[in-house]
Amino acid sequence: MDPQMEELLKSAEAISKLSPHEASILSFLKDGYSTRDIAQILHMSHKKVQAYRQSILDKLSARNTAHAVAMYSRKLQLEIHLRRH
């Protein structure tokens, strides 16, 4: 299998393990929102969003938020690829 496709599949599998709240927060992070912005949008406390962000990093074994966002972006790439084929 193509190494790039393997990486896309790994990212998609990891992302699929996130809860709906975690996936939503990761999507906002991908779009450049801060945890404070996300807290306001979702009517949550800032600490709650920070806890979700940490949970995302833990579940994805991501080194940091940028790494988690990169994994999410790879999942989106895979979805686009699969729709085309």
N, C-alpha and C. Protein backbone atom coordinates (compact mmCIF):
# COMPACT_ATOMS: atom_id res chain seq x y z
N MET A 1 0.85 -1.18 0.00
CA MET A 1 0.00 0.00 0.00
C MET A 1 0.89 1.25 0.00
N ASP A 2 0.42 2.25 -0.66
CA ASP A 2 1.11 3.54 -0.74
C ASP A 2 1.30 4.09 0.68
N PRO A 3 2.53 4.51 1.07
CA PRO A 3 2.76 5.03 2.43
C PRO A 3 1.87 6.23 2.76
N GLN A 4 1.60 7.08 1.79
CA GLN A 4 0.74 8.23 2.05
C GLN A 4 -0.68 7.76 2.37
N MET A 5 -1.17 6.75 1.64
CA MET A 5 -2.50 6.21 1.91
C MET A 5 -2.54 5.55 3.28
N GLU A 6 -1.47 4.87 3.67
CA GLU A 6 -1.40 4.26 5.00
C GLU A 6 -1.53 5.32 6.08
N GLU A 7 -0.83 6.45 5.91
CA GLU A 7 -0.89 7.54 6.89
C GLU A 7 -2.30 8.13 6.95
N LEU A 8 -2.94 8.26 5.80
CA LEU A 8 -4.32 8.77 5.76
C LEU A 8 -5.25 7.83 6.51
N LEU A 9 -5.10 6.54 6.30
CA LEU A 9 -5.96 5.56 6.96
C LEU A 9 -5.74 5.55 8.47
N LYS A 10 -4.49 5.66 8.92
CA LYS A 10 -4.19 5.72 10.35
C LYS A 10 -4.85 6.93 10.99
N SER A 11 -4.75 8.07 10.33
CA SER A 11 -5.35 9.29 10.86
C SER A 11 -6.86 9.17 10.94
N ALA A 12 -7.47 8.63 9.88
CA ALA A 12 -8.93 8.48 9.86
C ALA A 12 -9.39 7.53 10.96
N GLU A 13 -8.65 6.46 11.18
CA GLU A 13 -9.02 5.51 12.23
C GLU A 13 -8.94 6.16 13.61
N ALA A 14 -7.88 6.92 13.86
CA ALA A 14 -7.72 7.59 15.15
C ALA A 14 -8.82 8.62 15.36
N ILE A 15 -9.12 9.41 14.34
CA ILE A 15 -10.16 10.45 14.45
C ILE A 15 -11.52 9.82 14.73
N SER A 16 -11.77 8.65 14.16
CA SER A 16 -13.08 8.00 14.34
C SER A 16 -13.34 7.61 15.80
N LYS A 17 -12.29 7.57 16.61
CA LYS A 17 -12.44 7.21 18.02
C LYS A 17 -12.84 8.40 18.91
N LEU A 18 -12.88 9.60 18.32
CA LEU A 18 -13.25 10.78 19.10
C LEU A 18 -14.76 10.83 19.32
N SER A 19 -15.15 11.39 20.45
CA SER A 19 -16.57 11.61 20.71
C SER A 19 -17.07 12.73 19.80
N PRO A 20 -18.39 12.86 19.66
CA PRO A 20 -18.91 13.97 18.84
C PRO A 20 -18.44 15.35 19.32
N HIS A 21 -18.38 15.56 20.64
CA HIS A 21 -17.90 16.84 21.17
C HIS A 21 -16.43 17.06 20.82
N GLU A 22 -15.63 16.01 20.96
CA GLU A 22 -14.21 16.13 20.64
C GLU A 22 -14.00 16.42 19.15
N ALA A 23 -14.75 15.73 18.31
CA ALA A 23 -14.64 15.96 16.86
C ALA A 23 -15.05 17.38 16.50
N SER A 24 -16.08 17.89 17.15
CA SER A 24 -16.53 19.25 16.90
C SER A 24 -15.46 20.26 17.32
N ILE A 25 -14.88 20.04 18.48
CA ILE A 25 -13.84 20.95 18.97
C ILE A 25 -12.62 20.89 18.07
N LEU A 26 -12.24 19.70 17.63
CA LEU A 26 -11.11 19.58 16.72
C LEU A 26 -11.37 20.31 15.40
N SER A 27 -12.60 20.25 14.93
CA SER A 27 -12.96 20.97 13.71
C SER A 27 -12.81 22.48 13.90
N PHE A 28 -13.24 22.99 15.04
CA PHE A 28 -13.05 24.42 15.33
C PHE A 28 -11.56 24.77 15.41
N LEU A 29 -10.78 23.91 16.06
CA LEU A 29 -9.34 24.16 16.15
C LEU A 29 -8.71 24.19 14.76
N LYS A 30 -9.15 23.30 13.89
CA LYS A 30 -8.66 23.26 12.51
C LYS A 30 -8.94 24.58 11.80
N ASP A 31 -10.06 25.19 12.13
CA ASP A 31 -10.45 26.45 11.50
C ASP A 31 -9.83 27.67 12.17
N GLY A 32 -8.95 27.44 13.15
CA GLY A 32 -8.19 28.53 13.76
C GLY A 32 -8.82 29.17 14.99
N TYR A 33 -9.88 28.60 15.51
CA TYR A 33 -10.51 29.16 16.71
C TYR A 33 -9.68 28.82 17.95
N SER A 34 -9.63 29.74 18.87
CA SER A 34 -8.96 29.50 20.15
C SER A 34 -9.90 28.72 21.07
N THR A 35 -9.36 28.17 22.15
CA THR A 35 -10.22 27.46 23.09
C THR A 35 -11.24 28.41 23.73
N ARG A 36 -10.86 29.66 23.92
CA ARG A 36 -11.82 30.63 24.47
C ARG A 36 -12.96 30.91 23.49
N ASP A 37 -12.60 31.03 22.20
CA ASP A 37 -13.64 31.22 21.17
C ASP A 37 -14.59 30.03 21.13
N ILE A 38 -14.02 28.84 21.17
CA ILE A 38 -14.83 27.62 21.11
C ILE A 38 -15.75 27.54 22.32
N ALA A 39 -15.23 27.90 23.48
CA ALA A 39 -16.04 27.88 24.70
C ALA A 39 -17.26 28.79 24.55
N GLN A 40 -17.06 29.97 23.99
CA GLN A 40 -18.18 30.90 23.79
C GLN A 40 -19.18 30.33 22.79
N ILE A 41 -18.68 29.81 21.68
CA ILE A 41 -19.56 29.29 20.63
C ILE A 41 -20.39 28.12 21.13
N LEU A 42 -19.76 27.21 21.88
CA LEU A 42 -20.44 26.00 22.34
C LEU A 42 -21.08 26.15 23.72
N HIS A 43 -20.99 27.35 24.28
CA HIS A 43 -21.58 27.63 25.60
C HIS A 43 -21.05 26.66 26.66
N MET A 44 -19.72 26.56 26.69
CA MET A 44 -19.02 25.73 27.67
C MET A 44 -18.01 26.61 28.39
N SER A 45 -17.53 26.10 29.48
CA SER A 45 -16.46 26.83 30.16
C SER A 45 -15.16 26.62 29.39
N HIS A 46 -14.27 27.58 29.54
CA HIS A 46 -12.96 27.49 28.90
C HIS A 46 -12.22 26.25 29.38
N LYS A 47 -12.33 25.94 30.66
CA LYS A 47 -11.66 24.77 31.24
C LYS A 47 -12.20 23.47 30.64
N LYS A 48 -13.50 23.43 30.37
CA LYS A 48 -14.10 22.24 29.77
C LYS A 48 -13.55 22.02 28.36
N VAL A 49 -13.44 23.09 27.58
CA VAL A 49 -12.88 22.98 26.23
C VAL A 49 -11.41 22.55 26.30
N GLN A 50 -10.66 23.10 27.25
CA GLN A 50 -9.26 22.69 27.42
C GLN A 50 -9.17 21.20 27.76
N ALA A 51 -10.11 20.72 28.60
CA ALA A 51 -10.12 19.30 28.96
C ALA A 51 -10.43 18.44 27.72
N TYR A 52 -11.38 18.88 26.89
CA TYR A 52 -11.67 18.16 25.65
C TYR A 52 -10.45 18.16 24.73
N ARG A 53 -9.79 19.30 24.63
CA ARG A 53 -8.61 19.39 23.77
C ARG A 53 -7.54 18.41 24.24
N GLN A 54 -7.32 18.34 25.54
CA GLN A 54 -6.34 17.39 26.07
C GLN A 54 -6.76 15.96 25.80
N SER A 55 -8.04 15.69 25.92
CA SER A 55 -8.55 14.35 25.63
C SER A 55 -8.31 13.98 24.16
N ILE A 56 -8.50 14.95 23.28
CA ILE A 56 -8.23 14.75 21.84
C ILE A 56 -6.76 14.37 21.65
N LEU A 57 -5.87 15.15 22.25
CA LEU A 57 -4.44 14.88 22.11
C LEU A 57 -4.09 13.49 22.63
N ASP A 58 -4.67 13.12 23.75
CA ASP A 58 -4.40 11.81 24.34
C ASP A 58 -4.90 10.68 23.43
N LYS A 59 -6.15 10.79 22.96
CA LYS A 59 -6.72 9.74 22.12
C LYS A 59 -5.98 9.59 20.80
N LEU A 60 -5.50 10.69 20.25
CA LEU A 60 -4.82 10.65 18.97
C LEU A 60 -3.31 10.40 19.11
N SER A 61 -2.84 10.39 20.35
CA SER A 61 -1.39 10.33 20.63
C SER A 61 -0.67 11.43 19.86
N ALA A 62 -1.31 12.59 19.84
CA ALA A 62 -0.76 13.75 19.13
C ALA A 62 0.22 14.48 20.04
N ARG A 63 1.28 14.99 19.43
CA ARG A 63 2.29 15.73 20.20
C ARG A 63 1.77 17.08 20.68
N ASN A 64 0.90 17.67 19.89
CA ASN A 64 0.35 18.99 20.23
C ASN A 64 -0.89 19.23 19.37
N THR A 65 -1.51 20.39 19.53
CA THR A 65 -2.73 20.70 18.79
C THR A 65 -2.48 20.72 17.29
N ALA A 66 -1.36 21.26 16.87
CA ALA A 66 -1.05 21.31 15.43
C ALA A 66 -0.98 19.90 14.84
N HIS A 67 -0.42 18.97 15.58
CA HIS A 67 -0.35 17.58 15.13
C HIS A 67 -1.75 16.99 15.01
N ALA A 68 -2.61 17.24 15.99
CA ALA A 68 -3.99 16.74 15.95
C ALA A 68 -4.73 17.32 14.75
N VAL A 69 -4.54 18.60 14.49
CA VAL A 69 -5.18 19.26 13.35
C VAL A 69 -4.67 18.65 12.04
N ALA A 70 -3.38 18.35 11.98
CA ALA A 70 -2.83 17.72 10.77
C ALA A 70 -3.47 16.34 10.55
N MET A 71 -3.67 15.60 11.61
CA MET A 71 -4.32 14.29 11.49
C MET A 71 -5.75 14.45 10.99
N TYR A 72 -6.45 15.45 11.51
CA TYR A 72 -7.83 15.71 11.08
C TYR A 72 -7.85 16.09 9.60
N SER A 73 -6.90 16.89 9.19
CA SER A 73 -6.82 17.30 7.78
C SER A 73 -6.56 16.09 6.88
N ARG A 74 -5.73 15.15 7.34
CA ARG A 74 -5.48 13.94 6.56
C ARG A 74 -6.75 13.10 6.43
N LYS A 75 -7.55 13.07 7.50
CA LYS A 75 -8.82 12.34 7.43
C LYS A 75 -9.72 12.97 6.38
N LEU A 76 -9.77 14.29 6.35
CA LEU A 76 -10.59 14.97 5.36
C LEU A 76 -10.08 14.68 3.94
N GLN A 77 -8.77 14.62 3.77
CA GLN A 77 -8.19 14.27 2.47
C GLN A 77 -8.63 12.89 2.02
N LEU A 78 -8.64 11.94 2.95
CA LEU A 78 -9.06 10.59 2.64
C LEU A 78 -10.52 10.56 2.21
N GLU A 79 -11.37 11.29 2.93
CA GLU A 79 -12.79 11.33 2.57
C GLU A 79 -12.98 11.88 1.16
N ILE A 80 -12.24 12.91 0.81
CA ILE A 80 -12.32 13.49 -0.54
C ILE A 80 -11.84 12.47 -1.56
N HIS A 81 -10.74 11.80 -1.26
CA HIS A 81 -10.20 10.79 -2.17
C HIS A 81 -11.22 9.68 -2.40
N LEU A 82 -11.84 9.21 -1.34
CA LEU A 82 -12.80 8.11 -1.46
C LEU A 82 -14.05 8.52 -2.23
N ARG A 83 -14.47 9.77 -2.10
CA ARG A 83 -15.64 10.24 -2.85
C ARG A 83 -15.37 10.30 -4.34
N ARG A 84 -14.13 10.56 -4.70
CA ARG A 84 -13.76 10.67 -6.11
C ARG A 84 -13.65 9.31 -6.78
N HIS A 85 -13.46 8.25 -5.99
CA HIS A 85 -13.23 6.93 -6.58
C HIS A 85 -14.34 5.99 -6.27
